[in-house]
Amino acid sequence: MKAFKRIRTKLIELNKVQDNIKEFVNQFDYTLSEGLIIEGIDLTTADLKIEHKLNRPYKGYIIISKNANQNVWLSATQQFTESFITLTASGNVTVNIYIF
């Protein structure tokens, strides 16, 4: 989400309204809106290192869908979180994830 941009005018009341809106908006954490969807990830019981392209360490992930009843978790060998997320599954499964 883009940051709120104030536009200064000669109208004091309008400037005050904008200041109040900015103060209100700044209290929210938009972590979830700053992510991306990665589709068609084939997981097995082996670690899979997935490039997430966020250009920063990820904060979390959500499994959007999966084609089998398998559990998915972060690998114990997780490294380089600025570029990659490493996932493991309890069996063969294809997942779509939202990473943020």
Protein backbone atom coordinates (compact mmCIF):
# COMPACT_ATOMS: atom_id res chain seq x y z
CA MET A 1 0.00 0.00 0.00
CA LYS A 2 1.29 3.43 -0.85
CA ALA A 3 1.93 5.91 1.92
CA PHE A 4 -0.63 8.65 2.47
CA LYS A 5 0.46 11.78 0.64
CA ARG A 6 -0.53 15.16 2.04
CA ILE A 7 -1.18 18.01 -0.37
CA ARG A 8 -0.67 21.37 1.30
CA THR A 9 -3.14 24.08 0.41
CA LYS A 10 -3.99 27.57 1.55
CA LEU A 11 -7.07 26.19 3.29
CA ILE A 12 -6.14 25.59 6.93
CA GLU A 13 -9.16 23.34 7.51
CA LEU A 14 -8.22 21.06 4.61
CA ASN A 15 -4.65 20.81 5.88
CA LYS A 16 -5.95 19.83 9.33
CA VAL A 17 -8.20 17.15 7.84
CA GLN A 18 -5.24 15.73 5.91
CA ASP A 19 -3.10 15.73 9.07
CA ASN A 20 -5.81 13.81 10.93
CA ILE A 21 -6.15 11.28 8.12
CA LYS A 22 -2.39 10.73 8.03
CA GLU A 23 -2.30 10.22 11.82
CA PHE A 24 -5.15 7.70 11.58
CA VAL A 25 -3.62 5.75 8.66
CA ASN A 26 -0.16 5.57 10.25
CA GLN A 27 -1.44 3.48 13.15
CA PHE A 28 -2.06 0.44 10.92
CA ASP A 29 0.48 -2.25 10.07
CA TYR A 30 0.26 -3.10 6.37
CA THR A 31 2.58 -6.10 6.54
CA LEU A 32 0.06 -8.41 4.87
CA SER A 33 -0.45 -6.07 1.92
CA GLU A 34 3.27 -6.10 1.10
CA GLY A 35 3.56 -9.65 -0.16
CA LEU A 36 3.22 -11.80 -3.24
CA ILE A 37 1.70 -15.08 -4.34
CA ILE A 38 3.90 -17.98 -5.46
CA GLU A 39 1.95 -20.69 -7.26
CA GLY A 40 2.60 -24.32 -8.13
CA ILE A 41 5.27 -25.17 -5.55
CA ASP A 42 5.87 -28.94 -5.50
CA LEU A 43 6.89 -30.00 -2.00
CA THR A 44 8.08 -33.35 -0.65
CA THR A 45 9.65 -34.55 2.58
CA ALA A 46 12.92 -32.94 1.45
CA ASP A 47 13.68 -29.25 2.00
CA LEU A 48 12.83 -26.97 -0.92
CA LYS A 49 14.49 -23.55 -1.10
CA ILE A 50 12.13 -21.07 -2.79
CA GLU A 51 13.20 -17.62 -3.98
CA HIS A 52 10.55 -15.13 -2.82
CA LYS A 53 11.81 -11.89 -4.49
CA LEU A 54 10.60 -9.58 -1.71
CA ASN A 55 14.02 -7.90 -1.51
CA ARG A 56 13.80 -8.05 2.29
CA PRO A 57 13.46 -10.76 4.93
CA TYR A 58 9.96 -12.23 4.83
CA LYS A 59 7.73 -11.90 7.89
CA GLY A 60 5.48 -14.88 7.30
CA TYR A 61 3.59 -16.98 4.81
CA ILE A 62 0.09 -18.36 4.31
CA ILE A 63 -0.78 -21.55 2.47
CA ILE A 64 -3.50 -20.42 0.07
CA SER A 65 -4.25 -23.84 -1.37
CA LYS A 66 -2.84 -27.36 -1.56
CA ASN A 67 -3.77 -30.40 -3.62
CA ALA A 68 -3.30 -33.02 -0.89
CA ASN A 69 -3.86 -33.40 2.83
CA GLN A 70 -0.23 -32.84 3.85
CA ASN A 71 1.30 -30.60 6.49
CA VAL A 72 3.72 -27.86 5.40
CA TRP A 73 6.28 -26.14 7.62
CA LEU A 74 9.43 -24.05 7.61
CA SER A 75 12.54 -26.15 7.34
CA ALA A 76 14.87 -26.41 10.32
CA THR A 77 17.72 -25.50 7.93
CA GLN A 78 16.16 -22.14 7.02
CA GLN A 79 18.82 -19.64 5.80
CA PHE A 80 19.02 -16.45 3.74
CA THR A 81 15.52 -15.24 4.64
CA GLU A 82 16.11 -12.00 2.71
CA SER A 83 15.94 -13.96 -0.56
CA PHE A 84 14.55 -17.42 0.19
CA ILE A 85 12.05 -19.39 2.22
CA THR A 86 12.71 -23.10 2.76
CA LEU A 87 9.65 -25.33 3.15
CA THR A 88 9.13 -29.01 3.86
CA ALA A 89 6.00 -31.16 3.72
CA SER A 90 4.87 -34.40 5.34
CA GLY A 91 4.38 -35.89 1.84
CA ASN A 92 4.03 -34.95 -1.80
CA VAL A 93 1.88 -31.84 -2.24
CA THR A 94 1.59 -28.86 -4.58
CA VAL A 95 0.87 -25.57 -2.84
CA ASN A 96 0.21 -21.92 -3.58
CA ILE A 97 1.53 -19.57 -0.90
CA TYR A 98 1.22 -15.91 -0.04
CA ILE A 99 4.51 -14.68 1.38
CA PHE A 100 4.79 -11.33 3.12
